[in-house]
Amino acid sequence: MIILDFETNTMTAQDVIEAAAVKLEFIDGNFKVIDKFHRYYLSRYPVNPYSYEVHRLTPEKIIAHRNGATYSSFFNEDEEFIEFCSSARTLIAHNINFELRHLDKLVSFENHFCTMKENKHIVKALNKNGNIKNPKLDETCLFYGIDFDPLSYHSATYDVSKTYEILKNMKNLFNN
């Protein structure tokens, strides 16, 4: 299984500018990280001001983070990402529909587990009208007593690490 998080520039499929993932195995009732993946990619589109407001990644910052990297410049051309995912049957993410939209047939998984949707009726976060809504990552962390740094939020590696901590708190779902 893989926990995955993307930071993107646009809603265009595969316009991923940061990808982070951890590969897990569930052994003896516990999750164990067996591999990690993290990369920055360029976008073929101008900087989207709405996306920039979320993750603060500019082309200049991405180039600096890549630091002369020799892997693919664009997400949809990264064969190593496809290889990293190829042996996993289950995709885990917080708001998995977002990651699935950007994977767009590049990689597929037999099973999907969304920590956001699975926690909707556990966390019971409320929208402005007082109705139960899908909890954001920070709301889910707060519910489980997981430390959360709002300044690190929307870094793909940080979001994957928090999703992993949430999953560990939910491990009783995997014992059934």
C-alpha atoms as a PDB file:
ATOM      1  CA  MET A   1       0.000   0.000   0.000  1.00  0.00           C
ATOM      2  CA  ILE A   2       1.078   3.555  -0.663  1.00  0.00           C
ATOM      3  CA  ILE A   3       0.220   6.839   1.041  1.00  0.00           C
ATOM      4  CA  LEU A   4       0.393   9.580  -1.571  1.00  0.00           C
ATOM      5  CA  ASP A   5       0.115  13.361  -1.616  1.00  0.00           C
ATOM      6  CA  PHE A   6       0.441  15.834  -4.470  1.00  0.00           C
ATOM      7  CA  GLU A   7       0.884  19.563  -4.632  1.00  0.00           C
ATOM      8  CA  THR A   8      -0.323  20.850  -7.982  1.00  0.00           C
ATOM      9  CA  ASN A   9      -0.297  23.978 -10.073  1.00  0.00           C
ATOM     10  CA  THR A  10      -3.607  23.552 -11.911  1.00  0.00           C
ATOM     11  CA  MET A  11      -6.560  21.178 -11.909  1.00  0.00           C
ATOM     12  CA  THR A  12      -5.259  19.742 -15.176  1.00  0.00           C
ATOM     13  CA  ALA A  13      -4.630  16.004 -14.808  1.00  0.00           C
ATOM     14  CA  GLN A  14      -1.005  15.149 -14.031  1.00  0.00           C
ATOM     15  CA  ASP A  15       0.016  18.789 -13.455  1.00  0.00           C
ATOM     16  CA  VAL A  16       1.836  17.747 -10.282  1.00  0.00           C
ATOM     17  CA  ILE A  17       4.652  19.953  -8.996  1.00  0.00           C
ATOM     18  CA  GLU A  18       5.463  17.976  -5.838  1.00  0.00           C
ATOM     19  CA  ALA A  19       4.859  14.298  -5.157  1.00  0.00           C
ATOM     20  CA  ALA A  20       5.528  12.441  -1.919  1.00  0.00           C
ATOM     21  CA  ALA A  21       4.723   8.846  -1.102  1.00  0.00           C
ATOM     22  CA  VAL A  22       5.548   6.135   1.386  1.00  0.00           C
ATOM     23  CA  LYS A  23       5.174   2.449   0.687  1.00  0.00           C
ATOM     24  CA  LEU A  24       3.803   0.484   3.654  1.00  0.00           C
ATOM     25  CA  GLU A  25       3.273  -3.064   4.731  1.00  0.00           C
ATOM     26  CA  PHE A  26       0.865  -4.072   7.487  1.00  0.00           C
ATOM     27  CA  ILE A  27       2.827  -6.584   9.567  1.00  0.00           C
ATOM     28  CA  ASP A  28       1.759  -8.079  12.896  1.00  0.00           C
ATOM     29  CA  GLY A  29      -0.877  -5.397  13.419  1.00  0.00           C
ATOM     30  CA  ASN A  30       1.403  -2.457  12.639  1.00  0.00           C
ATOM     31  CA  PHE A  31       2.254  -0.353   9.614  1.00  0.00           C
ATOM     32  CA  LYS A  32       5.902  -0.411   8.560  1.00  0.00           C
ATOM     33  CA  VAL A  33       7.411   2.036   6.054  1.00  0.00           C
ATOM     34  CA  ILE A  34       9.406   0.044   3.515  1.00  0.00           C
ATOM     35  CA  ASP A  35      10.213   2.745   0.954  1.00  0.00           C
ATOM     36  CA  LYS A  36       9.843   6.501   0.354  1.00  0.00           C
ATOM     37  CA  PHE A  37       9.466   8.720  -2.697  1.00  0.00           C
ATOM     38  CA  HIS A  38       9.697  12.518  -2.982  1.00  0.00           C
ATOM     39  CA  ARG A  39      10.226  14.764  -6.001  1.00  0.00           C
ATOM     40  CA  TYR A  40       9.588  18.228  -7.378  1.00  0.00           C
ATOM     41  CA  TYR A  41       8.418  18.757 -10.956  1.00  0.00           C
ATOM     42  CA  LEU A  42       7.929  21.678 -13.290  1.00  0.00           C
ATOM     43  CA  SER A  43       4.529  22.676 -14.651  1.00  0.00           C
ATOM     44  CA  ARG A  44       3.771  23.335 -18.301  1.00  0.00           C
ATOM     45  CA  TYR A  45       1.362  26.101 -17.229  1.00  0.00           C
ATOM     46  CA  PRO A  46       1.814  29.600 -15.772  1.00  0.00           C
ATOM     47  CA  VAL A  47       1.768  29.822 -11.980  1.00  0.00           C
ATOM     48  CA  ASN A  48      -1.803  29.528 -10.752  1.00  0.00           C
ATOM     49  CA  PRO A  49      -2.217  32.219  -8.057  1.00  0.00           C
ATOM     50  CA  TYR A  50      -4.777  30.127  -6.136  1.00  0.00           C
ATOM     51  CA  SER A  51      -2.492  27.109  -5.979  1.00  0.00           C
ATOM     52  CA  TYR A  52       0.488  29.297  -5.152  1.00  0.00           C
ATOM     53  CA  GLU A  53      -1.467  30.724  -2.203  1.00  0.00           C
ATOM     54  CA  VAL A  54      -1.765  27.170  -0.824  1.00  0.00           C
ATOM     55  CA  HIS A  55       1.752  25.746  -1.268  1.00  0.00           C
ATOM     56  CA  ARG A  56       3.938  28.765  -2.156  1.00  0.00           C
ATOM     57  CA  LEU A  57       5.850  26.832  -4.847  1.00  0.00           C
ATOM     58  CA  THR A  58       7.115  28.956  -7.728  1.00  0.00           C
ATOM     59  CA  PRO A  59       9.090  27.614 -10.705  1.00  0.00           C
ATOM     60  CA  GLU A  60      12.202  29.193  -9.154  1.00  0.00           C
ATOM     61  CA  LYS A  61      11.643  27.405  -5.830  1.00  0.00           C
ATOM     62  CA  ILE A  62      10.987  24.132  -7.622  1.00  0.00           C
ATOM     63  CA  ILE A  63      14.237  24.455  -9.597  1.00  0.00           C
ATOM     64  CA  ALA A  64      16.091  25.216  -6.358  1.00  0.00           C
ATOM     65  CA  HIS A  65      14.484  22.185  -4.640  1.00  0.00           C
ATOM     66  CA  ARG A  66      15.389  19.981  -7.613  1.00  0.00           C
ATOM     67  CA  ASN A  67      19.005  21.049  -7.040  1.00  0.00           C
ATOM     68  CA  GLY A  68      20.290  19.676 -10.347  1.00  0.00           C
ATOM     69  CA  ALA A  69      18.163  16.512 -10.151  1.00  0.00           C
ATOM     70  CA  THR A  70      18.474  14.124 -13.072  1.00  0.00           C
ATOM     71  CA  TYR A  71      14.968  12.646 -12.800  1.00  0.00           C
ATOM     72  CA  SER A  72      12.196  13.753 -15.170  1.00  0.00           C
ATOM     73  CA  SER A  73      11.289  17.439 -15.174  1.00  0.00           C
ATOM     74  CA  PHE A  74       7.577  16.662 -15.576  1.00  0.00           C
ATOM     75  CA  PHE A  75       5.512  14.350 -13.386  1.00  0.00           C
ATOM     76  CA  ASN A  76       3.796  12.447 -16.183  1.00  0.00           C
ATOM     77  CA  GLU A  77       7.186  11.509 -17.665  1.00  0.00           C
ATOM     78  CA  ASP A  78       8.648  10.062 -14.463  1.00  0.00           C
ATOM     79  CA  GLU A  79       8.925   6.321 -15.058  1.00  0.00           C
ATOM     80  CA  GLU A  80      10.476   5.898 -11.600  1.00  0.00           C
ATOM     81  CA  PHE A  81       7.256   7.145  -9.972  1.00  0.00           C
ATOM     82  CA  ILE A  82       5.280   4.601 -11.991  1.00  0.00           C
ATOM     83  CA  GLU A  83       7.735   1.883 -10.954  1.00  0.00           C
ATOM     84  CA  PHE A  84       7.516   2.959  -7.291  1.00  0.00           C
ATOM     85  CA  CYS A  85       3.735   2.505  -7.388  1.00  0.00           C
ATOM     86  CA  SER A  86       3.626  -0.618  -9.561  1.00  0.00           C
ATOM     87  CA  SER A  87       3.722  -3.232  -6.797  1.00  0.00           C
ATOM     88  CA  ALA A  88       1.169  -1.527  -4.537  1.00  0.00           C
ATOM     89  CA  ARG A  89      -2.444  -2.648  -4.616  1.00  0.00           C
ATOM     90  CA  THR A  90      -3.882   0.004  -2.247  1.00  0.00           C
ATOM     91  CA  LEU A  91      -3.705   3.785  -2.496  1.00  0.00           C
ATOM     92  CA  ILE A  92      -4.198   5.799   0.702  1.00  0.00           C
ATOM     93  CA  ALA A  93      -4.613   9.574   0.782  1.00  0.00           C
ATOM     94  CA  HIS A  94      -6.419  12.306   2.645  1.00  0.00           C
ATOM     95  CA  ASN A  95      -8.938  13.492   0.025  1.00  0.00           C
ATOM     96  CA  ILE A  96      -8.079  10.651  -2.315  1.00  0.00           C
ATOM     97  CA  ASN A  97     -10.218  12.015  -5.158  1.00  0.00           C
ATOM     98  CA  PHE A  98      -7.681  14.817  -5.582  1.00  0.00           C
ATOM     99  CA  GLU A  99      -4.779  12.381  -6.020  1.00  0.00           C
ATOM    100  CA  LEU A 100      -6.828  10.124  -8.302  1.00  0.00           C
ATOM    101  CA  ARG A 101      -7.730  13.097 -10.511  1.00  0.00           C
ATOM    102  CA  HIS A 102      -4.056  13.903 -10.986  1.00  0.00           C
ATOM    103  CA  LEU A 103      -2.940  10.290 -11.443  1.00  0.00           C
ATOM    104  CA  ASP A 104      -5.364  10.116 -14.391  1.00  0.00           C
ATOM    105  CA  LYS A 105      -4.562   6.582 -15.614  1.00  0.00           C
ATOM    106  CA  LEU A 106      -0.802   7.034 -15.099  1.00  0.00           C
ATOM    107  CA  VAL A 107      -0.985   4.495 -12.263  1.00  0.00           C
ATOM    108  CA  SER A 108      -3.943   2.494 -10.998  1.00  0.00           C
ATOM    109  CA  PHE A 109      -4.671   0.733  -7.735  1.00  0.00           C
ATOM    110  CA  GLU A 110      -7.128  -2.059  -6.918  1.00  0.00           C
ATOM    111  CA  ASN A 111      -8.159  -0.485  -3.606  1.00  0.00           C
ATOM    112  CA  HIS A 112      -8.582   3.074  -2.374  1.00  0.00           C
ATOM    113  CA  PHE A 113      -8.675   4.245   1.239  1.00  0.00           C
ATOM    114  CA  CYS A 114      -9.461   7.891   1.981  1.00  0.00           C
ATOM    115  CA  THR A 115      -8.573   9.007   5.504  1.00  0.00           C
ATOM    116  CA  MET A 116     -10.764  12.073   4.995  1.00  0.00           C
ATOM    117  CA  LYS A 117     -13.924  10.165   4.033  1.00  0.00           C
ATOM    118  CA  GLU A 118     -13.302   7.366   6.533  1.00  0.00           C
ATOM    119  CA  ASN A 119     -13.083   9.938   9.325  1.00  0.00           C
ATOM    120  CA  LYS A 120     -16.112  12.031   8.371  1.00  0.00           C
ATOM    121  CA  HIS A 121     -18.417  10.429  10.954  1.00  0.00           C
ATOM    122  CA  ILE A 122     -15.620   9.864  13.471  1.00  0.00           C
ATOM    123  CA  VAL A 123     -14.187  13.404  13.602  1.00  0.00           C
ATOM    124  CA  LYS A 124     -17.613  15.029  13.055  1.00  0.00           C
ATOM    125  CA  ALA A 125     -16.158  18.336  11.842  1.00  0.00           C
ATOM    126  CA  LEU A 126     -18.885  20.860  11.121  1.00  0.00           C
ATOM    127  CA  ASN A 127     -19.331  23.218   8.193  1.00  0.00           C
ATOM    128  CA  LYS A 128     -20.566  26.804   8.571  1.00  0.00           C
ATOM    129  CA  ASN A 129     -24.194  25.546   8.546  1.00  0.00           C
ATOM    130  CA  GLY A 130     -23.563  23.117  11.414  1.00  0.00           C
ATOM    131  CA  ASN A 131     -23.622  19.994   9.241  1.00  0.00           C
ATOM    132  CA  ILE A 132     -21.009  17.235   9.401  1.00  0.00           C
ATOM    133  CA  LYS A 133     -18.419  17.683   6.635  1.00  0.00           C
ATOM    134  CA  ASN A 134     -15.334  15.890   5.414  1.00  0.00           C
ATOM    135  CA  PRO A 135     -12.583  16.884   7.871  1.00  0.00           C
ATOM    136  CA  LYS A 136      -9.488  18.677   6.633  1.00  0.00           C
ATOM    137  CA  LEU A 137      -6.121  17.157   7.441  1.00  0.00           C
ATOM    138  CA  ASP A 138      -5.541  19.535  10.370  1.00  0.00           C
ATOM    139  CA  GLU A 139      -9.001  18.812  11.821  1.00  0.00           C
ATOM    140  CA  THR A 140      -8.361  15.072  11.641  1.00  0.00           C
ATOM    141  CA  CYS A 141      -4.958  15.458  13.296  1.00  0.00           C
ATOM    142  CA  LEU A 142      -6.509  17.572  16.059  1.00  0.00           C
ATOM    143  CA  PHE A 143      -9.130  14.877  16.686  1.00  0.00           C
ATOM    144  CA  TYR A 144      -6.448  12.180  17.089  1.00  0.00           C
ATOM    145  CA  GLY A 145      -4.147  14.411  19.170  1.00  0.00           C
ATOM    146  CA  ILE A 146      -1.483  14.524  16.449  1.00  0.00           C
ATOM    147  CA  ASP A 147       0.800  17.582  16.483  1.00  0.00           C
ATOM    148  CA  PHE A 148       0.129  19.777  13.460  1.00  0.00           C
ATOM    149  CA  ASP A 149       2.207  22.678  12.162  1.00  0.00           C
ATOM    150  CA  PRO A 150       0.081  24.987   9.989  1.00  0.00           C
ATOM    151  CA  LEU A 151       3.247  26.439   8.421  1.00  0.00           C
ATOM    152  CA  SER A 152       4.267  22.978   7.122  1.00  0.00           C
ATOM    153  CA  TYR A 153       0.772  22.117   5.832  1.00  0.00           C
ATOM    154  CA  HIS A 154       0.606  21.639   2.058  1.00  0.00           C
ATOM    155  CA  SER A 155       4.104  20.326   1.732  1.00  0.00           C
ATOM    156  CA  ALA A 156       3.601  16.902   0.163  1.00  0.00           C
ATOM    157  CA  THR A 157       6.062  15.226   2.546  1.00  0.00           C
ATOM    158  CA  TYR A 158       4.418  16.810   5.591  1.00  0.00           C
ATOM    159  CA  ASP A 159       0.923  15.878   4.451  1.00  0.00           C
ATOM    160  CA  VAL A 160       2.000  12.264   3.803  1.00  0.00           C
ATOM    161  CA  SER A 161       3.586  12.080   7.265  1.00  0.00           C
ATOM    162  CA  LYS A 162       0.371  13.352   8.892  1.00  0.00           C
ATOM    163  CA  THR A 163      -1.787  10.984   6.833  1.00  0.00           C
ATOM    164  CA  TYR A 164       0.479   8.147   8.005  1.00  0.00           C
ATOM    165  CA  GLU A 165       0.005   9.192  11.646  1.00  0.00           C
ATOM    166  CA  ILE A 166      -3.769   9.316  11.128  1.00  0.00           C
ATOM    167  CA  LEU A 167      -3.676   5.865   9.551  1.00  0.00           C
ATOM    168  CA  LYS A 168      -1.733   4.459  12.512  1.00  0.00           C
ATOM    169  CA  ASN A 169      -4.490   5.805  14.772  1.00  0.00           C
ATOM    170  CA  MET A 170      -7.057   4.036  12.574  1.00  0.00           C
ATOM    171  CA  LYS A 171      -5.208   0.703  12.405  1.00  0.00           C
ATOM    172  CA  ASN A 172      -8.088  -1.105  14.150  1.00  0.00           C
ATOM    173  CA  LEU A 173      -9.910  -0.827  10.786  1.00  0.00           C
ATOM    174  CA  PHE A 174      -7.214  -3.031   9.274  1.00  0.00           C
ATOM    175  CA  ASN A 175      -7.339  -5.660  12.023  1.00  0.00           C
ATOM    176  CA  ASN A 176     -10.834  -6.764  10.972  1.00  0.00           C
END
